[in-house]
Protein backbone atom coordinates (compact mmCIF):
# COMPACT_ATOMS: atom_id res chain seq x y z
CA MET A 1 -0.23 -0.19 0.01
CA ASN A 2 2.05 3.11 -1.32
CA SER A 3 -0.28 5.58 -1.23
CA VAL A 4 -3.92 5.58 -0.03
CA ALA A 5 -6.63 8.31 -0.79
CA LEU A 6 -8.66 8.90 1.90
CA VAL A 7 -11.43 11.02 2.86
CA ILE A 8 -11.82 11.94 6.60
CA ARG A 9 -15.27 12.90 7.76
CA SER A 10 -18.01 12.64 10.52
CA ILE A 11 -20.53 9.77 9.93
CA ARG A 12 -24.16 10.20 8.56
CA SER A 13 -27.30 9.16 10.87
CA ASP A 14 -27.92 6.16 7.89
CA GLU A 15 -24.63 4.80 8.30
CA TRP A 16 -25.40 2.55 10.95
CA ARG A 17 -24.52 -0.81 9.81
CA GLN A 18 -21.07 0.54 8.63
CA VAL A 19 -20.68 1.93 12.53
CA LYS A 20 -22.25 -1.73 13.61
CA GLU A 21 -19.62 -3.41 11.16
CA LEU A 22 -16.34 -1.63 12.03
CA ARG A 23 -17.05 -1.75 15.98
CA LEU A 24 -17.15 -5.50 15.73
CA GLU A 25 -14.27 -5.88 13.64
CA ALA A 26 -12.50 -3.33 16.29
CA LEU A 27 -13.74 -5.77 18.87
CA LEU A 28 -12.16 -8.90 17.25
CA ASP A 29 -8.61 -6.91 17.58
CA PRO A 30 -5.89 -8.89 19.65
CA VAL A 31 -5.95 -6.17 21.55
CA ALA A 32 -9.54 -5.22 22.10
CA HIS A 33 -9.10 -6.41 25.68
CA LEU A 34 -6.83 -3.51 26.33
CA ALA A 35 -9.11 -0.72 24.15
CA PHE A 36 -12.53 -1.23 24.87
CA LEU A 37 -14.82 -1.57 27.49
CA GLU A 38 -16.95 -3.97 25.62
CA THR A 39 -16.85 -7.56 24.38
CA TYR A 40 -17.63 -8.57 20.76
CA GLU A 41 -20.05 -10.85 22.10
CA ASP A 42 -21.95 -7.92 24.17
CA ALA A 43 -21.86 -5.77 20.86
CA VAL A 44 -22.87 -8.41 18.50
CA ALA A 45 -26.11 -9.30 20.87
CA ARG A 46 -27.25 -5.64 20.51
CA PRO A 47 -30.13 -4.91 18.16
CA ASP A 48 -30.44 -2.79 14.90
CA GLY A 49 -31.93 -0.06 17.23
CA PHE A 50 -29.12 0.51 19.05
CA TRP A 51 -26.43 0.72 16.06
CA GLN A 52 -29.22 3.30 14.89
CA GLU A 53 -29.48 5.67 17.97
CA ARG A 54 -25.57 5.17 18.25
CA ALA A 55 -25.12 6.57 14.68
CA SER A 56 -27.96 9.04 15.06
CA GLY A 57 -26.37 10.44 18.14
CA ALA A 58 -22.84 10.58 16.87
CA ALA A 59 -23.48 11.98 13.05
CA VAL A 60 -22.27 15.18 11.48
CA ASP A 61 -24.80 17.38 13.12
CA ALA A 62 -24.61 16.09 16.23
CA THR A 63 -22.98 18.18 19.22
CA ALA A 64 -22.73 15.61 22.46
CA ARG A 65 -20.48 13.41 20.38
CA GLN A 66 -18.67 13.10 16.94
CA GLN A 67 -17.60 9.80 15.00
CA ILE A 68 -15.17 10.52 12.49
CA VAL A 69 -14.06 8.09 10.18
CA ALA A 70 -11.49 7.78 7.20
CA VAL A 71 -12.68 6.07 3.81
CA GLY A 72 -10.80 4.50 1.39
CA GLU A 73 -11.42 5.19 -2.40
CA ASP A 74 -13.20 1.72 -2.33
CA GLY A 75 -15.76 2.75 0.27
CA VAL A 76 -14.42 1.22 3.10
CA TRP A 77 -13.86 2.32 6.30
CA ALA A 78 -10.08 2.50 7.23
CA GLY A 79 -10.62 3.64 10.69
CA THR A 80 -12.41 5.74 13.36
CA VAL A 81 -12.30 7.72 16.60
CA THR A 82 -15.15 9.33 18.23
CA VAL A 83 -15.06 12.55 20.53
CA LEU A 84 -17.41 12.54 23.72
CA VAL A 85 -18.25 15.85 24.89
CA GLU A 86 -17.78 16.37 28.84
CA GLU A 87 -19.20 18.97 30.38
CA ALA A 88 -17.78 21.12 33.11
CA GLY A 89 -19.30 20.36 36.55
CA VAL A 90 -21.28 17.30 35.35
CA PRO A 91 -19.58 13.99 36.56
CA ASP A 92 -17.80 11.87 33.45
CA ALA A 93 -18.48 7.95 32.92
CA PHE A 94 -15.97 7.37 35.40
CA GLY A 95 -17.85 9.75 38.32
CA THR A 96 -15.28 12.53 38.08
CA VAL A 97 -16.19 15.96 37.66
CA PRO A 98 -14.55 17.73 35.06
CA GLU A 99 -13.46 21.39 35.80
CA LEU A 100 -13.52 22.29 31.89
CA ARG A 101 -15.60 21.33 28.93
CA GLN A 102 -13.45 18.88 27.06
CA GLY A 103 -13.66 15.93 24.60
CA HIS A 104 -12.97 12.75 25.50
CA LEU A 105 -11.51 10.26 22.59
CA VAL A 106 -12.73 7.08 22.70
CA GLY A 107 -13.27 4.07 20.11
CA VAL A 108 -10.26 4.48 18.53
CA TYR A 109 -9.85 2.02 15.74
CA VAL A 110 -7.65 1.42 12.53
CA ARG A 111 -8.07 -1.59 10.20
CA PRO A 112 -4.41 -3.55 10.40
CA GLU A 113 -3.97 -2.86 6.66
CA TYR A 114 -4.19 0.54 7.13
CA ARG A 115 -1.62 0.85 10.09
CA GLY A 116 0.91 2.79 10.11
CA SER A 117 2.48 5.91 8.84
CA ARG A 118 2.17 5.51 4.78
CA ALA A 119 -1.41 5.78 5.24
CA GLY A 120 -1.70 8.20 8.14
CA VAL A 121 -4.86 7.10 8.79
CA THR A 122 -4.35 7.41 12.73
CA ARG A 123 -2.72 11.02 12.09
CA GLY A 124 -5.82 12.13 10.02
CA LEU A 125 -8.46 11.04 12.07
CA PHE A 126 -6.77 13.05 15.19
CA ASP A 127 -6.12 15.78 13.69
CA ALA A 128 -9.81 15.85 12.54
CA ALA A 129 -10.84 14.80 16.14
CA LEU A 130 -9.09 17.70 17.52
CA ALA A 131 -10.54 20.12 14.86
CA TRP A 132 -13.98 19.49 15.55
CA SER A 133 -12.81 19.62 19.25
CA TRP A 134 -11.92 22.91 18.73
CA GLU A 135 -14.80 24.05 16.70
CA ALA A 136 -17.35 22.76 19.41
CA GLY A 137 -15.74 25.27 21.87
CA LEU A 138 -13.97 22.44 23.91
CA GLU A 139 -11.37 23.41 26.61
CA ARG A 140 -9.13 20.40 26.93
CA VAL A 141 -9.44 16.98 25.17
CA ARG A 142 -8.08 13.65 26.70
CA LEU A 143 -8.17 10.24 26.06
CA PHE A 144 -7.20 7.04 28.36
CA VAL A 145 -4.62 4.09 27.30
CA HIS A 146 -4.15 0.88 29.13
CA GLU A 147 -1.07 0.99 30.83
CA LYS A 148 -0.07 -2.45 28.75
CA ASN A 149 -0.88 -0.71 25.18
CA GLY A 150 2.84 0.69 24.67
CA ARG A 151 2.22 1.18 21.10
CA ALA A 152 -1.23 3.06 21.10
CA GLU A 153 0.62 5.19 23.71
CA ALA A 154 3.54 5.89 21.92
CA PHE A 155 1.38 7.10 18.95
CA TYR A 156 -0.85 9.82 21.18
CA ARG A 157 2.45 11.05 22.92
CA LYS A 158 3.63 11.28 19.06
CA THR A 159 0.43 13.33 18.37
CA GLY A 160 0.91 15.86 21.04
CA PHE A 161 -1.14 13.94 24.32
CA LEU A 162 1.11 13.99 27.32
CA PRO A 163 0.02 12.15 30.69
CA THR A 164 -1.59 14.37 33.21
CA GLY A 165 -0.42 11.77 36.28
CA GLU A 166 -4.19 10.69 36.52
CA THR A 167 -5.09 7.40 36.52
CA VAL A 168 -8.44 5.35 36.46
CA PRO A 169 -8.43 1.98 37.89
CA MET A 170 -9.77 -1.01 35.76
CA PRO A 171 -11.75 -4.10 37.08
CA GLY A 172 -9.02 -7.10 37.11
CA ASP A 173 -5.70 -5.08 36.00
CA THR A 174 -3.85 -2.06 37.02
CA GLY A 175 -5.76 0.48 35.03
CA GLU A 176 -5.82 3.13 32.75
CA LEU A 177 -3.41 6.34 31.97
CA GLU A 178 -5.12 9.83 31.23
CA LEU A 179 -3.30 11.93 28.79
CA GLU A 180 -4.41 15.19 27.20
CA PHE A 181 -3.50 17.03 24.45
CA ALA A 182 -0.53 19.24 25.36
CA ILE A 183 -0.68 21.92 22.82
CA THR A 184 -2.51 24.93 24.00
CA ARG A 185 -4.79 26.23 21.00
CA GLY A 186 -4.04 30.27 20.27
């Protein structure tokens, strides 16, 4: 794969089947247990209505979350990332209360054949997620990475995310490290 032409964009509400397909594939990845808080078995059992709602709530015109995808010339979704909006003063999914209105990047996945620097899929997804976050008026962007997922952590650091020193304990293991985008937007 020498050169890959990709379109990086937000999903549309009617693309729930593609959302489901890519999520199920992500959950079959060998490191899925380190990256996702859901199992393949749980996800595959969800009804179509769940996936329709998920796509609708993260589509191009949504404001509480935004799912961004990289689409190849052949229409195949090469990868995805979702930005969850966390409001200042409102408890987040972990029960902590953010001081700032912030974005939380989740659901990062790139198909194996698109991984690596040649395609630039992950970087393109992150650039789009950060751009959407700033346009939405978010004051901070963060993500969590499992302590044993060194490859992902290395990419996040290379992209400009730095550890905050905070960790979130996860059932059955040591936990996940919080990283935040290190460059203050001007």
